[in-house]
Amino acid sequence: MANHLTPDELSKELGIDRSEVIRVCVQEGVPIYQGKIDKTLFQAQLQALGAISEPH
């Protein structure tokens, strides 16, 4: 499974709006490299913000 996703792919996978994905990246310093975001890093940042629960 791919770990680097576009904002559209990440928003679909996590069930949040694309603009919210980009906002979190910009605000929290999650890099977007060549139009792709590291899913693990993004999820870790959301957990740190308390936006999502930790995986089981």
N, C-alpha and C. Protein backbone atom coordinates (compact mmCIF):
# COMPACT_ATOMS: atom_id res chain seq x y z
N MET A 1 0.84 -1.18 0.00
CA MET A 1 0.00 0.00 0.00
C MET A 1 0.89 1.24 0.00
N ALA A 2 0.50 2.23 -0.77
CA ALA A 2 1.27 3.46 -0.91
C ALA A 2 1.26 4.26 0.39
N ASN A 3 2.40 4.86 0.69
CA ASN A 3 2.50 5.68 1.89
C ASN A 3 2.49 7.17 1.55
N HIS A 4 2.79 7.52 0.31
CA HIS A 4 2.79 8.91 -0.11
C HIS A 4 1.60 9.12 -1.03
N LEU A 5 0.67 9.97 -0.58
CA LEU A 5 -0.59 10.15 -1.29
C LEU A 5 -0.79 11.62 -1.64
N THR A 6 -1.60 11.84 -2.68
CA THR A 6 -1.99 13.21 -3.03
C THR A 6 -3.00 13.69 -1.99
N PRO A 7 -3.20 14.99 -1.88
CA PRO A 7 -4.22 15.49 -0.94
C PRO A 7 -5.60 14.88 -1.20
N ASP A 8 -5.97 14.66 -2.46
CA ASP A 8 -7.26 14.04 -2.79
C ASP A 8 -7.33 12.62 -2.26
N GLU A 9 -6.29 11.84 -2.50
CA GLU A 9 -6.26 10.45 -2.04
C GLU A 9 -6.30 10.37 -0.52
N LEU A 10 -5.54 11.24 0.12
CA LEU A 10 -5.49 11.25 1.58
C LEU A 10 -6.83 11.66 2.18
N SER A 11 -7.48 12.63 1.58
CA SER A 11 -8.78 13.07 2.10
C SER A 11 -9.82 11.97 1.97
N LYS A 12 -9.80 11.24 0.87
CA LYS A 12 -10.74 10.12 0.69
C LYS A 12 -10.46 9.01 1.70
N GLU A 13 -9.19 8.71 1.90
CA GLU A 13 -8.82 7.61 2.79
C GLU A 13 -9.14 7.92 4.25
N LEU A 14 -8.96 9.17 4.65
CA LEU A 14 -9.18 9.53 6.04
C LEU A 14 -10.57 10.12 6.30
N GLY A 15 -11.31 10.37 5.22
CA GLY A 15 -12.66 10.89 5.37
C GLY A 15 -12.73 12.34 5.82
N ILE A 16 -11.74 13.14 5.40
CA ILE A 16 -11.78 14.56 5.70
C ILE A 16 -11.65 15.34 4.40
N ASP A 17 -12.01 16.60 4.44
CA ASP A 17 -12.01 17.44 3.24
C ASP A 17 -10.59 17.71 2.75
N ARG A 18 -10.43 17.78 1.43
CA ARG A 18 -9.13 18.03 0.81
C ARG A 18 -8.52 19.33 1.32
N SER A 19 -9.32 20.37 1.42
CA SER A 19 -8.79 21.65 1.89
C SER A 19 -8.32 21.57 3.33
N GLU A 20 -8.95 20.71 4.13
CA GLU A 20 -8.52 20.50 5.51
C GLU A 20 -7.16 19.80 5.55
N VAL A 21 -6.95 18.85 4.65
CA VAL A 21 -5.66 18.15 4.55
C VAL A 21 -4.56 19.17 4.27
N ILE A 22 -4.79 20.02 3.30
CA ILE A 22 -3.79 21.03 2.92
C ILE A 22 -3.58 22.03 4.06
N ARG A 23 -4.66 22.44 4.71
CA ARG A 23 -4.56 23.38 5.82
C ARG A 23 -3.69 22.83 6.95
N VAL A 24 -3.91 21.56 7.31
CA VAL A 24 -3.12 20.93 8.36
C VAL A 24 -1.65 20.87 7.95
N CYS A 25 -1.40 20.50 6.71
CA CYS A 25 -0.01 20.43 6.24
C CYS A 25 0.69 21.78 6.35
N VAL A 26 0.02 22.83 5.90
CA VAL A 26 0.63 24.16 5.93
C VAL A 26 0.78 24.65 7.36
N GLN A 27 -0.27 24.51 8.15
CA GLN A 27 -0.26 25.03 9.51
C GLN A 27 0.70 24.27 10.43
N GLU A 28 0.79 22.95 10.25
CA GLU A 28 1.58 22.12 11.15
C GLU A 28 2.95 21.73 10.59
N GLY A 29 3.26 22.18 9.39
CA GLY A 29 4.57 21.93 8.82
C GLY A 29 4.78 20.52 8.26
N VAL A 30 3.69 19.86 7.88
CA VAL A 30 3.82 18.55 7.24
C VAL A 30 4.17 18.79 5.77
N PRO A 31 5.31 18.28 5.32
CA PRO A 31 5.74 18.59 3.96
C PRO A 31 4.87 17.96 2.87
N ILE A 32 4.68 18.72 1.81
CA ILE A 32 4.04 18.21 0.60
C ILE A 32 5.14 18.24 -0.46
N TYR A 33 5.63 17.07 -0.83
CA TYR A 33 6.75 16.97 -1.74
C TYR A 33 6.27 16.43 -3.08
N GLN A 34 6.45 17.20 -4.12
CA GLN A 34 6.01 16.85 -5.47
C GLN A 34 4.54 16.45 -5.48
N GLY A 35 3.74 17.19 -4.72
CA GLY A 35 2.30 16.98 -4.70
C GLY A 35 1.82 15.81 -3.87
N LYS A 36 2.71 15.20 -3.09
CA LYS A 36 2.35 14.04 -2.27
C LYS A 36 2.70 14.27 -0.81
N ILE A 37 1.91 13.63 0.06
CA ILE A 37 2.05 13.78 1.50
C ILE A 37 2.32 12.41 2.11
N ASP A 38 3.24 12.35 3.06
CA ASP A 38 3.52 11.12 3.77
C ASP A 38 2.33 10.84 4.70
N LYS A 39 1.62 9.76 4.42
CA LYS A 39 0.41 9.41 5.17
C LYS A 39 0.70 9.19 6.65
N THR A 40 1.77 8.48 6.96
CA THR A 40 2.12 8.18 8.35
C THR A 40 2.42 9.46 9.12
N LEU A 41 3.18 10.34 8.53
CA LEU A 41 3.51 11.61 9.16
C LEU A 41 2.27 12.46 9.36
N PHE A 42 1.40 12.49 8.36
CA PHE A 42 0.16 13.27 8.45
C PHE A 42 -0.73 12.73 9.57
N GLN A 43 -0.89 11.41 9.63
CA GLN A 43 -1.72 10.81 10.67
C GLN A 43 -1.14 11.06 12.06
N ALA A 44 0.18 10.99 12.18
CA ALA A 44 0.83 11.25 13.46
C ALA A 44 0.57 12.68 13.90
N GLN A 45 0.59 13.60 12.96
CA GLN A 45 0.32 15.00 13.30
C GLN A 45 -1.13 15.19 13.72
N LEU A 46 -2.06 14.52 13.04
CA LEU A 46 -3.47 14.60 13.44
C LEU A 46 -3.66 14.03 14.85
N GLN A 47 -2.99 12.94 15.16
CA GLN A 47 -3.08 12.35 16.50
C GLN A 47 -2.53 13.32 17.54
N ALA A 48 -1.43 13.98 17.23
CA ALA A 48 -0.84 14.95 18.16
C ALA A 48 -1.78 16.12 18.40
N LEU A 49 -2.56 16.46 17.39
CA LEU A 49 -3.53 17.55 17.53
C LEU A 49 -4.80 17.08 18.23
N GLY A 50 -4.95 15.76 18.36
CA GLY A 50 -6.15 15.21 18.97
C GLY A 50 -7.32 15.14 18.01
N ALA A 51 -7.05 15.25 16.71
CA ALA A 51 -8.11 15.27 15.71
C ALA A 51 -8.64 13.88 15.40
N ILE A 52 -7.80 12.84 15.61
CA ILE A 52 -8.25 11.47 15.36
C ILE A 52 -7.81 10.60 16.52
N SER A 53 -8.49 9.49 16.69
CA SER A 53 -8.10 8.57 17.76
C SER A 53 -6.96 7.69 17.29
N GLU A 54 -6.22 7.15 18.24
CA GLU A 54 -5.08 6.30 17.88
C GLU A 54 -5.58 4.98 17.31
N PRO A 55 -4.86 4.44 16.30
CA PRO A 55 -5.28 3.15 15.72
C PRO A 55 -5.12 2.03 16.72
N HIS A 56 -5.95 1.00 16.58
CA HIS A 56 -5.91 -0.15 17.50
C HIS A 56 -4.99 -1.21 16.97
